[in-house]
């Protein structure tokens, strides 16, 4: 929801979330040791706040600083649950990333892990800072067919967007594994 087109209630939730995130970053960076409780929690719908936390993927950050931010217990508990679920998803994604890379490596196919959990760990030290998603592995165009075969044999299935012609599939290919 953009601030321009949001209802007054939505704007109040977003403004409160922005204040909480800024305060959490200030605490995390050491810029401050404590913060004033953000005003306005009594005036918002807690479910709308939780939805905004989920949408903007800040549950881990807010969970780590919930006590210092003086989050109401109802909201803090929901944020803790969200953070735990995100952690489990990120751990699964990290495991699958390592498994896919290892599968290619064992087959003698050089691959580079890009974005996702790898970038998340490099930039923040956390698996969860980029949210859950897919696995991005870069292989040379010459290795694409073999990489797809190897990943398919290991249990992943290729999915192609319909708008790409056969000429383009070596440049873009998506492989999923049911976990």
Protein backbone atom coordinates (compact mmCIF):
# COMPACT_ATOMS: atom_id res chain seq x y z
CA UNK A 1 0.00 0.00 0.00
CA UNK A 2 1.45 3.34 -0.97
CA UNK A 3 1.19 6.24 1.41
CA UNK A 4 -0.40 8.42 -1.28
CA UNK A 5 -3.36 6.13 -1.89
CA UNK A 6 -3.73 4.69 1.59
CA UNK A 7 -6.65 5.29 3.90
CA UNK A 8 -5.99 7.32 7.05
CA UNK A 9 -5.91 4.06 9.08
CA UNK A 10 -3.39 2.53 6.65
CA UNK A 11 -1.25 5.67 6.77
CA UNK A 12 -1.23 5.58 10.57
CA UNK A 13 -0.07 1.95 10.52
CA UNK A 14 2.67 2.65 7.96
CA UNK A 15 3.89 5.74 9.83
CA UNK A 16 4.04 3.73 13.07
CA UNK A 17 5.90 0.93 11.31
CA UNK A 18 8.39 3.42 9.85
CA UNK A 19 9.00 4.87 13.32
CA UNK A 20 9.50 1.39 14.81
CA UNK A 21 11.89 0.31 12.04
CA UNK A 22 13.92 3.54 12.31
CA UNK A 23 14.16 3.08 16.08
CA UNK A 24 15.22 -0.58 15.64
CA UNK A 25 17.93 0.44 13.18
CA UNK A 26 19.14 3.12 15.59
CA UNK A 27 19.31 0.53 18.39
CA UNK A 28 21.05 -1.98 16.15
CA UNK A 29 23.67 0.48 14.93
CA UNK A 30 24.43 1.62 18.46
CA UNK A 31 23.37 5.18 17.66
CA UNK A 32 21.09 5.06 20.71
CA UNK A 33 20.86 2.77 23.73
CA UNK A 34 17.15 3.18 24.29
CA UNK A 35 14.18 4.66 22.50
CA UNK A 36 10.94 6.24 23.49
CA UNK A 37 7.90 4.03 22.91
CA UNK A 38 6.45 4.97 19.53
CA UNK A 39 3.12 6.67 20.20
CA UNK A 40 0.06 5.40 18.45
CA UNK A 41 -0.15 1.67 19.11
CA UNK A 42 -3.41 2.21 20.98
CA UNK A 43 -4.85 3.94 17.91
CA UNK A 44 -4.21 1.26 15.29
CA UNK A 45 -5.55 -2.17 14.44
CA UNK A 46 -2.87 -4.66 15.59
CA UNK A 47 -3.71 -7.01 12.70
CA UNK A 48 -3.05 -4.22 10.19
CA UNK A 49 0.31 -3.57 11.84
CA UNK A 50 1.24 -7.27 11.67
CA UNK A 51 0.19 -7.36 8.02
CA UNK A 52 2.45 -4.37 7.30
CA UNK A 53 5.34 -6.03 9.18
CA UNK A 54 4.90 -9.12 7.02
CA UNK A 55 4.55 -7.14 3.78
CA UNK A 56 7.70 -5.14 4.44
CA UNK A 57 9.65 -8.16 5.78
CA UNK A 58 10.80 -6.53 8.99
CA UNK A 59 9.70 -9.16 11.50
CA UNK A 60 13.27 -10.28 12.29
CA UNK A 61 14.43 -6.73 12.93
CA UNK A 62 11.44 -5.83 15.11
CA UNK A 63 11.52 -9.14 16.97
CA UNK A 64 15.15 -8.61 17.96
CA UNK A 65 14.28 -5.22 19.45
CA UNK A 66 10.67 -5.78 20.56
CA UNK A 67 11.33 -5.15 24.25
CA UNK A 68 13.42 -2.02 23.64
CA UNK A 69 10.76 -0.74 21.24
CA UNK A 70 8.08 -1.26 23.88
CA UNK A 71 5.90 -3.18 21.43
CA UNK A 72 2.55 -4.23 22.91
CA UNK A 73 2.71 -7.92 23.89
CA UNK A 74 -0.01 -8.92 21.42
CA UNK A 75 1.98 -7.42 18.56
CA UNK A 76 5.35 -8.62 19.87
CA UNK A 77 4.07 -12.21 20.11
CA UNK A 78 2.76 -12.17 16.55
CA UNK A 79 6.01 -10.66 15.29
CA UNK A 80 7.95 -13.38 17.13
CA UNK A 81 5.82 -16.05 15.41
CA UNK A 82 6.40 -14.42 12.01
CA UNK A 83 10.14 -14.20 12.66
CA UNK A 84 10.30 -17.88 13.59
CA UNK A 85 8.42 -18.92 10.45
CA UNK A 86 10.69 -16.75 8.30
CA UNK A 87 13.74 -18.28 9.97
CA UNK A 88 12.55 -21.81 9.24
CA UNK A 89 11.81 -20.93 5.60
CA UNK A 90 15.21 -19.27 5.23
CA UNK A 91 16.99 -22.25 6.77
CA UNK A 92 15.21 -24.58 4.34
CA UNK A 93 16.09 -22.31 1.42
CA UNK A 94 19.73 -22.16 2.55
CA UNK A 95 19.85 -25.94 2.79
CA UNK A 96 18.32 -26.33 -0.68
CA UNK A 97 20.72 -23.72 -2.09
CA UNK A 98 23.68 -25.65 -0.70
CA UNK A 99 22.22 -28.93 -1.99
CA UNK A 100 21.68 -27.57 -5.51
CA UNK A 101 25.14 -26.00 -5.66
CA UNK A 102 26.73 -29.17 -4.30
CA UNK A 103 24.84 -31.30 -6.83
CA UNK A 104 26.21 -29.21 -9.69
CA UNK A 105 29.70 -29.10 -8.19
CA UNK A 106 29.82 -32.89 -7.79
CA UNK A 107 28.84 -33.20 -11.45
CA UNK A 108 31.76 -30.95 -12.41
CA UNK A 109 29.57 -27.99 -13.34
CA UNK A 110 30.87 -24.69 -11.99
CA UNK A 111 28.05 -22.60 -10.53
CA UNK A 112 27.82 -19.31 -8.71
CA UNK A 113 25.15 -18.78 -6.04
CA UNK A 114 23.63 -15.34 -6.55
CA UNK A 115 21.23 -13.15 -4.57
CA UNK A 116 18.91 -14.79 -2.05
CA UNK A 117 20.32 -16.26 1.14
CA UNK A 118 23.92 -15.87 -0.05
CA UNK A 119 23.51 -12.12 -0.48
CA UNK A 120 21.52 -11.93 2.73
CA UNK A 121 24.33 -13.50 4.76
CA UNK A 122 27.02 -11.44 3.04
CA UNK A 123 25.28 -8.11 3.55
CA UNK A 124 23.64 -8.52 6.95
CA UNK A 125 24.93 -11.73 8.49
CA UNK A 126 21.35 -13.05 8.60
CA UNK A 127 19.66 -15.69 6.48
CA UNK A 128 16.33 -13.91 6.75
CA UNK A 129 17.07 -10.35 5.69
CA UNK A 130 15.99 -10.90 2.07
CA UNK A 131 12.82 -12.85 2.71
CA UNK A 132 11.98 -16.22 1.25
CA UNK A 133 12.09 -16.84 -2.45
CA UNK A 134 13.92 -18.85 -5.02
CA UNK A 135 17.47 -20.07 -5.58
CA UNK A 136 19.59 -18.33 -8.20
CA UNK A 137 22.51 -20.28 -9.62
CA UNK A 138 24.57 -18.94 -12.49
CA UNK A 139 26.15 -21.44 -14.88
CA UNK A 140 27.75 -20.82 -18.24
CA UNK A 141 25.43 -21.07 -21.26
CA UNK A 142 27.40 -24.12 -22.38
CA UNK A 143 26.61 -25.89 -19.08
CA UNK A 144 22.89 -25.09 -18.93
CA UNK A 145 21.62 -28.29 -20.57
CA UNK A 146 23.84 -30.50 -18.42
CA UNK A 147 22.99 -28.53 -15.27
CA UNK A 148 19.29 -28.98 -15.95
CA UNK A 149 19.79 -32.71 -16.47
CA UNK A 150 21.78 -33.06 -13.25
CA UNK A 151 19.28 -31.05 -11.21
CA UNK A 152 16.39 -32.99 -12.75
CA UNK A 153 18.05 -36.30 -11.82
CA UNK A 154 18.46 -34.97 -8.27
CA UNK A 155 14.73 -34.24 -7.95
CA UNK A 156 14.31 -30.68 -9.17
CA UNK A 157 11.90 -29.98 -12.04
CA UNK A 158 12.38 -27.40 -14.78
CA UNK A 159 9.73 -24.73 -15.17
CA UNK A 160 9.81 -22.40 -18.12
CA UNK A 161 7.88 -19.19 -18.53
CA UNK A 162 5.64 -19.51 -21.57
CA UNK A 163 6.73 -16.20 -23.08
CA UNK A 164 10.30 -17.40 -23.76
CA UNK A 165 11.14 -19.07 -27.05
CA UNK A 166 13.33 -22.16 -27.20
CA UNK A 167 16.21 -19.93 -28.32
CA UNK A 168 16.14 -18.15 -24.99
CA UNK A 169 15.84 -21.02 -22.52
CA UNK A 170 19.62 -21.40 -22.04
CA UNK A 171 19.62 -17.84 -20.75
CA UNK A 172 16.70 -18.25 -18.43
CA UNK A 173 15.60 -21.46 -16.86
CA UNK A 174 13.77 -22.11 -13.66
CA UNK A 175 14.07 -25.33 -11.72
CA UNK A 176 11.92 -26.25 -8.74
CA UNK A 177 12.25 -29.02 -6.23
CA UNK A 178 9.35 -30.22 -4.13
CA UNK A 179 10.49 -30.22 -0.51
